[in-house]
C-alpha cells in the first residue's frame, strides 16, 4: 500500500478510537452523576428528618414565645 493511504487509514482509525473513548467517558460520567443525585437527596432528607426529631442537637436553641404585649421574647 502507498504510504499516504496507510497514513490516512491510521489517522482515521485513531480518530475512531478517540471518539469511542470520549463517548465511553461521557457515558461513565453520566452514570456517575445519576448515582450521586439520589445520594445527595438521601443525605438532605436524612438531615431534615434528624432536625425534626425531638431532642435533636439543632433544636437546643432558646424557645421563642410571644409576650403579653404582642412582642416576641426569648424565654429562659
PDB file of N, CA and C in Angstrom:
ATOM      1  N   UNK A   1       0.836  -1.188   0.000  1.00  0.00           N
ATOM      2  CA  UNK A   1       0.000   0.000   0.000  1.00  0.00           C
ATOM      3  C   UNK A   1       0.877   1.247   0.000  1.00  0.00           C
ATOM      4  N   UNK A   2       0.340   2.261  -0.555  1.00  0.00           N
ATOM      5  CA  UNK A   2       1.071   3.528  -0.623  1.00  0.00           C
ATOM      6  C   UNK A   2       1.138   4.144   0.775  1.00  0.00           C
ATOM      7  N   UNK A   3       2.248   4.752   1.131  1.00  0.00           N
ATOM      8  CA  UNK A   3       2.396   5.331   2.475  1.00  0.00           C
ATOM      9  C   UNK A   3       1.323   6.373   2.811  1.00  0.00           C
ATOM     10  N   UNK A   4       0.878   7.149   1.835  1.00  0.00           N
ATOM     11  CA  UNK A   4      -0.163   8.150   2.109  1.00  0.00           C
ATOM     12  C   UNK A   4      -1.480   7.478   2.493  1.00  0.00           C
ATOM     13  N   UNK A   5      -1.804   6.382   1.834  1.00  0.00           N
ATOM     14  CA  UNK A   5      -3.036   5.656   2.153  1.00  0.00           C
ATOM     15  C   UNK A   5      -2.932   5.056   3.551  1.00  0.00           C
ATOM     16  N   UNK A   6      -1.771   4.476   3.869  1.00  0.00           N
ATOM     17  CA  UNK A   6      -1.561   3.932   5.210  1.00  0.00           C
ATOM     18  C   UNK A   6      -1.697   5.016   6.266  1.00  0.00           C
ATOM     19  N   UNK A   7      -1.140   6.194   5.986  1.00  0.00           N
ATOM     20  CA  UNK A   7      -1.208   7.309   6.948  1.00  0.00           C
ATOM     21  C   UNK A   7      -2.654   7.736   7.156  1.00  0.00           C
ATOM     22  N   UNK A   8      -3.425   7.826   6.059  1.00  0.00           N
ATOM     23  CA  UNK A   8      -4.828   8.216   6.160  1.00  0.00           C
ATOM     24  C   UNK A   8      -5.638   7.176   6.933  1.00  0.00           C
ATOM     25  N   UNK A   9      -5.374   5.886   6.683  1.00  0.00           N
ATOM     26  CA  UNK A   9      -6.066   4.837   7.422  1.00  0.00           C
ATOM     27  C   UNK A   9      -5.735   4.897   8.911  1.00  0.00           C
ATOM     28  N   UNK A  10      -4.467   5.124   9.227  1.00  0.00           N
ATOM     29  CA  UNK A  10      -4.053   5.214  10.630  1.00  0.00           C
ATOM     30  C   UNK A  10      -4.709   6.424  11.301  1.00  0.00           C
ATOM     31  N   UNK A  11      -4.762   7.536  10.595  1.00  0.00           N
ATOM     32  CA  UNK A  11      -5.378   8.743  11.153  1.00  0.00           C
ATOM     33  C   UNK A  11      -6.874   8.516  11.392  1.00  0.00           C
ATOM     34  N   UNK A  12      -7.556   7.870  10.458  1.00  0.00           N
ATOM     35  CA  UNK A  12      -8.989   7.609  10.616  1.00  0.00           C
ATOM     36  C   UNK A  12      -9.217   6.647  11.787  1.00  0.00           C
ATOM     37  N   UNK A  13      -8.358   5.638  11.883  1.00  0.00           N
ATOM     38  CA  UNK A  13      -8.500   4.685  12.984  1.00  0.00           C
ATOM     39  C   UNK A  13      -8.279   5.377  14.335  1.00  0.00           C
ATOM     40  N   UNK A  14      -7.289   6.243  14.407  1.00  0.00           N
ATOM     41  CA  UNK A  14      -7.012   6.986  15.645  1.00  0.00           C
ATOM     42  C   UNK A  14      -8.195   7.868  16.021  1.00  0.00           C
ATOM     43  N   UNK A  15      -8.772   8.547  15.029  1.00  0.00           N
ATOM     44  CA  UNK A  15      -9.959   9.382  15.283  1.00  0.00           C
ATOM     45  C   UNK A  15     -11.108   8.542  15.819  1.00  0.00           C
ATOM     46  N   UNK A  16     -11.323   7.375  15.212  1.00  0.00           N
ATOM     47  CA  UNK A  16     -12.407   6.491  15.673  1.00  0.00           C
ATOM     48  C   UNK A  16     -12.173   6.060  17.121  1.00  0.00           C
ATOM     49  N   UNK A  17     -10.931   5.704  17.441  1.00  0.00           N
ATOM     50  CA  UNK A  17     -10.624   5.290  18.811  1.00  0.00           C
ATOM     51  C   UNK A  17     -10.861   6.436  19.798  1.00  0.00           C
ATOM     52  N   UNK A  18     -10.453   7.632  19.417  1.00  0.00           N
ATOM     53  CA  UNK A  18     -10.640   8.783  20.305  1.00  0.00           C
ATOM     54  C   UNK A  18     -12.125   9.086  20.488  1.00  0.00           C
ATOM     55  N   UNK A  19     -12.917   8.962  19.418  1.00  0.00           N
ATOM     56  CA  UNK A  19     -14.365   9.198  19.510  1.00  0.00           C
ATOM     57  C   UNK A  19     -15.010   8.178  20.431  1.00  0.00           C
ATOM     58  N   UNK A  20     -14.639   6.908  20.272  1.00  0.00           N
ATOM     59  CA  UNK A  20     -15.196   5.858  21.133  1.00  0.00           C
ATOM     60  C   UNK A  20     -14.811   6.092  22.589  1.00  0.00           C
ATOM     61  N   UNK A  21     -13.566   6.473  22.824  1.00  0.00           N
ATOM     62  CA  UNK A  21     -13.112   6.721  24.195  1.00  0.00           C
ATOM     63  C   UNK A  21     -13.873   7.903  24.799  1.00  0.00           C
ATOM     64  N   UNK A  22     -14.105   8.939  24.024  1.00  0.00           N
ATOM     65  CA  UNK A  22     -14.852  10.101  24.513  1.00  0.00           C
ATOM     66  C   UNK A  22     -16.293   9.747  24.832  1.00  0.00           C
ATOM     67  N   UNK A  23     -16.912   8.931  23.973  1.00  0.00           N
ATOM     68  CA  UNK A  23     -18.298   8.518  24.225  1.00  0.00           C
ATOM     69  C   UNK A  23     -18.378   7.663  25.484  1.00  0.00           C
ATOM     70  N   UNK A  24     -17.412   6.761  25.657  1.00  0.00           N
ATOM     71  CA  UNK A  24     -17.400   5.904  26.851  1.00  0.00           C
ATOM     72  C   UNK A  24     -17.215   6.750  28.110  1.00  0.00           C
ATOM     73  N   UNK A  25     -16.330   7.761  28.041  1.00  0.00           N
ATOM     74  CA  UNK A  25     -16.094   8.625  29.197  1.00  0.00           C
ATOM     75  C   UNK A  25     -17.354   9.408  29.547  1.00  0.00           C
ATOM     76  N   UNK A  26     -18.034   9.954  28.531  1.00  0.00           N
ATOM     77  CA  UNK A  26     -19.270  10.713  28.789  1.00  0.00           C
ATOM     78  C   UNK A  26     -20.354   9.814  29.371  1.00  0.00           C
ATOM     79  N   UNK A  27     -20.465   8.585  28.872  1.00  0.00           N
ATOM     80  CA  UNK A  27     -21.461   7.655  29.406  1.00  0.00           C
ATOM     81  C   UNK A  27     -21.145   7.311  30.859  1.00  0.00           C
ATOM     82  N   UNK A  28     -19.869   7.103  31.156  1.00  0.00           N
ATOM     83  CA  UNK A  28     -19.452   6.778  32.526  1.00  0.00           C
ATOM     84  C   UNK A  28     -19.740   7.947  33.458  1.00  0.00           C
ATOM     85  N   UNK A  29     -19.447   9.174  32.998  1.00  0.00           N
ATOM     86  CA  UNK A  29     -19.716  10.359  33.820  1.00  0.00           C
ATOM     87  C   UNK A  29     -21.220  10.534  34.049  1.00  0.00           C
ATOM     88  N   UNK A  30     -22.027  10.241  33.041  1.00  0.00           N
ATOM     89  CA  UNK A  30     -23.476  10.367  33.193  1.00  0.00           C
ATOM     90  C   UNK A  30     -23.986   9.355  34.214  1.00  0.00           C
ATOM     91  N   UNK A  31     -23.484   8.117  34.156  1.00  0.00           N
ATOM     92  CA  UNK A  31     -23.904   7.107  35.138  1.00  0.00           C
ATOM     93  C   UNK A  31     -23.485   7.520  36.536  1.00  0.00           C
ATOM     94  N   UNK A  32     -22.280   8.074  36.661  1.00  0.00           N
ATOM     95  CA  UNK A  32     -21.789   8.506  37.972  1.00  0.00           C
ATOM     96  C   UNK A  32     -22.666   9.633  38.520  1.00  0.00           C
ATOM     97  N   UNK A  33     -23.043  10.578  37.665  1.00  0.00           N
ATOM     98  CA  UNK A  33     -23.889  11.692  38.097  1.00  0.00           C
ATOM     99  C   UNK A  33     -25.261  11.184  38.530  1.00  0.00           C
ATOM    100  N   UNK A  34     -25.782  10.169  37.841  1.00  0.00           N
ATOM    101  CA  UNK A  34     -27.088   9.627  38.220  1.00  0.00           C
ATOM    102  C   UNK A  34     -27.018   8.965  39.586  1.00  0.00           C
ATOM    103  N   UNK A  35     -25.894   8.339  39.909  1.00  0.00           N
ATOM    104  CA  UNK A  35     -25.761   7.709  41.220  1.00  0.00           C
ATOM    105  C   UNK A  35     -25.599   8.749  42.311  1.00  0.00           C
ATOM    106  N   UNK A  36     -24.950   9.873  42.006  1.00  0.00           N
ATOM    107  CA  UNK A  36     -24.701  10.890  43.026  1.00  0.00           C
ATOM    108  C   UNK A  36     -25.952  11.675  43.371  1.00  0.00           C
ATOM    109  N   UNK A  37     -26.819  11.948  42.381  1.00  0.00           N
ATOM    110  CA  UNK A  37     -28.016  12.748  42.646  1.00  0.00           C
ATOM    111  C   UNK A  37     -28.902  12.128  43.713  1.00  0.00           C
ATOM    112  N   UNK A  38     -29.279  10.852  43.614  1.00  0.00           N
ATOM    113  CA  UNK A  38     -30.122  10.290  44.686  1.00  0.00           C
ATOM    114  C   UNK A  38     -29.409  10.274  46.027  1.00  0.00           C
ATOM    115  N   UNK A  39     -28.112  10.052  46.028  1.00  0.00           N
ATOM    116  CA  UNK A  39     -27.376  10.032  47.288  1.00  0.00           C
ATOM    117  C   UNK A  39     -27.434  11.401  47.958  1.00  0.00           C
ATOM    118  N   UNK A  40     -27.306  12.461  47.191  1.00  0.00           N
ATOM    119  CA  UNK A  40     -27.396  13.807  47.762  1.00  0.00           C
ATOM    120  C   UNK A  40     -28.798  14.044  48.314  1.00  0.00           C
ATOM    121  N   UNK A  41     -29.803  13.558  47.602  1.00  0.00           N
ATOM    122  CA  UNK A  41     -31.182  13.716  48.082  1.00  0.00           C
ATOM    123  C   UNK A  41     -31.371  12.960  49.400  1.00  0.00           C
ATOM    124  N   UNK A  42     -30.809  11.756  49.498  1.00  0.00           N
ATOM    125  CA  UNK A  42     -30.941  10.986  50.733  1.00  0.00           C
ATOM    126  C   UNK A  42     -30.252  11.690  51.895  1.00  0.00           C
ATOM    127  N   UNK A  43     -29.087  12.271  51.636  1.00  0.00           N
ATOM    128  CA  UNK A  43     -28.389  12.991  52.710  1.00  0.00           C
ATOM    129  C   UNK A  43     -29.235  14.166  53.189  1.00  0.00           C
ATOM    130  N   UNK A  44     -29.843  14.906  52.251  1.00  0.00           N
ATOM    131  CA  UNK A  44     -30.678  16.049  52.628  1.00  0.00           C
ATOM    132  C   UNK A  44     -31.893  15.598  53.422  1.00  0.00           C
ATOM    133  N   UNK A  45     -32.577  14.554  52.941  1.00  0.00           N
ATOM    134  CA  UNK A  45     -33.798  14.133  53.627  1.00  0.00           C
ATOM    135  C   UNK A  45     -33.469  13.550  54.997  1.00  0.00           C
ATOM    136  N   UNK A  46     -32.334  12.867  55.130  1.00  0.00           N
ATOM    137  CA  UNK A  46     -31.936  12.335  56.431  1.00  0.00           C
ATOM    138  C   UNK A  46     -31.635  13.471  57.392  1.00  0.00           C
ATOM    139  N   UNK A  47     -30.971  14.508  56.903  1.00  0.00           N
ATOM    140  CA  UNK A  47     -30.651  15.655  57.746  1.00  0.00           C
ATOM    141  C   UNK A  47     -31.931  16.356  58.192  1.00  0.00           C
ATOM    142  N   UNK A  48     -32.887  16.508  57.272  1.00  0.00           N
ATOM    143  CA  UNK A  48     -34.150  17.160  57.632  1.00  0.00           C
ATOM    144  C   UNK A  48     -34.922  16.326  58.638  1.00  0.00           C
ATOM    145  N   UNK A  49     -34.921  15.010  58.473  1.00  0.00           N
ATOM    146  CA  UNK A  49     -35.624  14.141  59.419  1.00  0.00           C
ATOM    147  C   UNK A  49     -34.972  14.225  60.793  1.00  0.00           C
ATOM    148  N   UNK A  50     -33.665  14.324  60.841  1.00  0.00           N
ATOM    149  CA  UNK A  50     -32.967  14.424  62.125  1.00  0.00           C
ATOM    150  C   UNK A  50     -33.303  15.741  62.817  1.00  0.00           C
ATOM    151  N   UNK A  51     -33.486  16.800  62.051  1.00  0.00           N
ATOM    152  CA  UNK A  51     -33.817  18.092  62.645  1.00  0.00           C
ATOM    153  C   UNK A  51     -35.212  18.071  63.257  1.00  0.00           C
ATOM    154  N   UNK A  52     -36.099  17.257  62.725  1.00  0.00           N
ATOM    155  CA  UNK A  52     -37.480  17.241  63.199  1.00  0.00           C
ATOM    156  C   UNK A  52     -37.665  16.315  64.396  1.00  0.00           C
ATOM    157  N   UNK A  53     -36.661  15.529  64.731  1.00  0.00           N
ATOM    158  CA  UNK A  53     -36.772  14.618  65.871  1.00  0.00           C
ATOM    159  C   UNK A  53     -36.687  15.405  67.171  1.00  0.00           C
ATOM    160  N   UNK A  54     -37.513  15.075  68.167  1.00  0.00           N
ATOM    161  CA  UNK A  54     -37.415  15.778  69.450  1.00  0.00           C
ATOM    162  C   UNK A  54     -36.076  15.468  70.111  1.00  0.00           C
ATOM    163  N   UNK A  55     -35.500  16.466  70.711  1.00  0.00           N
ATOM    164  CA  UNK A  55     -34.235  16.284  71.407  1.00  0.00           C
ATOM    165  C   UNK A  55     -33.018  16.327  70.506  1.00  0.00           C
ATOM    166  N   UNK A  56     -33.190  16.687  69.258  1.00  0.00           N
ATOM    167  CA  UNK A  56     -32.021  16.754  68.385  1.00  0.00           C
ATOM    168  C   UNK A  56     -31.169  17.955  68.786  1.00  0.00           C
ATOM    169  N   UNK A  57     -29.913  17.889  68.458  1.00  0.00           N
ATOM    170  CA  UNK A  57     -28.999  18.960  68.871  1.00  0.00           C
ATOM    171  C   UNK A  57     -29.353  20.282  68.233  1.00  0.00           C
ATOM    172  N   UNK A  58     -29.911  20.262  67.058  1.00  0.00           N
ATOM    173  CA  UNK A  58     -30.240  21.514  66.381  1.00  0.00           C
ATOM    174  C   UNK A  58     -31.409  22.239  67.045  1.00  0.00           C
ATOM    175  N   UNK A  59     -32.204  21.553  67.839  1.00  0.00           N
ATOM    176  CA  UNK A  59     -33.348  22.186  68.487  1.00  0.00           C
ATOM    177  C   UNK A  59     -33.007  22.676  69.884  1.00  0.00           C
ATOM    178  N   UNK A  60     -31.754  22.793  70.223  1.00  0.00           N
ATOM    179  CA  UNK A  60     -31.374  23.205  71.571  1.00  0.00           C
ATOM    180  C   UNK A  60     -31.372  24.723  71.729  1.00  0.00           C
ATOM    181  N   UNK A  61     -31.891  25.420  70.739  1.00  0.00           N
ATOM    182  CA  UNK A  61     -31.967  26.881  70.835  1.00  0.00           C
ATOM    183  C   UNK A  61     -32.968  27.276  71.900  1.00  0.00           C
ATOM    184  N   UNK A  62     -32.880  28.495  72.336  1.00  0.00           N
ATOM    185  CA  UNK A  62     -33.820  29.018  73.326  1.00  0.00           C
ATOM    186  C   UNK A  62     -35.179  29.170  72.658  1.00  0.00           C
ATOM    187  N   UNK A  63     -36.236  28.583  73.203  1.00  0.00           N
ATOM    188  CA  UNK A  63     -37.551  28.702  72.563  1.00  0.00           C
ATOM    189  C   UNK A  63     -38.053  30.138  72.620  1.00  0.00           C
ATOM    190  N   UNK A  64     -38.732  30.556  71.583  1.00  0.00           N
ATOM    191  CA  UNK A  64     -39.267  31.913  71.496  1.00  0.00           C
ATOM    192  C   UNK A  64     -40.773  31.840  71.659  1.00  0.00           C
ATOM    193  N   UNK A  65     -41.292  32.647  72.609  1.00  0.00           N
ATOM    194  CA  UNK A  65     -42.738  32.650  72.873  1.00  0.00           C
ATOM    195  C   UNK A  65     -43.241  34.080  72.841  1.00  0.00           C
ATOM    196  N   UNK A  66     -44.448  34.294  72.317  1.00  0.00           N
ATOM    197  CA  UNK A  66     -44.983  35.657  72.276  1.00  0.00           C
ATOM    198  C   UNK A  66     -45.242  36.171  73.690  1.00  0.00           C
ATOM    199  N   UNK A  67     -44.948  37.424  73.914  1.00  0.00           N
ATOM    200  CA  UNK A  67     -45.170  38.059  75.220  1.00  0.00           C
ATOM    201  C   UNK A  67     -46.592  38.630  75.263  1.00  0.00           C
ATOM    202  N   UNK A  68     -46.948  39.145  76.401  1.00  0.00           N
ATOM    203  CA  UNK A  68     -48.304  39.647  76.615  1.00  0.00           C
ATOM    204  C   UNK A  68     -48.635  40.815  75.686  1.00  0.00           C
ATOM    205  N   UNK A  69     -47.711  41.666  75.378  1.00  0.00           N
ATOM    206  CA  UNK A  69     -47.998  42.859  74.551  1.00  0.00           C
ATOM    207  C   UNK A  69     -47.851  42.590  73.062  1.00  0.00           C
ATOM    208  N   UNK A  70     -47.743  41.333  72.644  1.00  0.00           N
ATOM    209  CA  UNK A  70     -47.577  41.041  71.234  1.00  0.00           C
ATOM    210  C   UNK A  70     -46.113  41.024  70.807  1.00  0.00           C
ATOM    211  N   UNK A  71     -45.233  41.348  71.746  1.00  0.00           N
ATOM    212  CA  UNK A  71     -43.809  41.311  71.434  1.00  0.00           C
ATOM    213  C   UNK A  71     -43.324  39.864  71.523  1.00  0.00           C
ATOM    214  N   UNK A  72     -42.205  39.599  70.909  1.00  0.00           N
ATOM    215  CA  UNK A  72     -41.638  38.257  70.971  1.00  0.00           C
ATOM    216  C   UNK A  72     -40.390  38.295  71.844  1.00  0.00           C
ATOM    217  N   UNK A  73     -40.353  37.406  72.835  1.00  0.00           N
ATOM    218  CA  UNK A  73     -39.211  37.358  73.737  1.00  0.00           C
ATOM    219  C   UNK A  73     -38.648  35.948  73.777  1.00  0.00           C
ATOM    220  N   UNK A  74     -37.397  35.839  74.148  1.00  0.00           N
ATOM    221  CA  UNK A  74     -36.806  34.532  74.384  1.00  0.00           C
ATOM    222  C   UNK A  74     -37.032  34.140  75.825  1.00  0.00           C
ATOM    223  N   UNK A  75     -37.517  32.930  76.081  1.00  0.00           N
ATOM    224  CA  UNK A  75     -37.741  32.508  77.471  1.00  0.00           C
ATOM    225  C   UNK A  75     -36.567  31.684  77.935  1.00  0.00           C
ATOM    226  N   UNK A  76     -36.190  31.836  79.186  1.00  0.00           N
ATOM    227  CA  UNK A  76     -35.046  31.079  79.753  1.00  0.00           C
ATOM    228  C   UNK A  76     -35.462  30.282  80.921  1.00  0.00           C
TER     229      UNK A  76
END
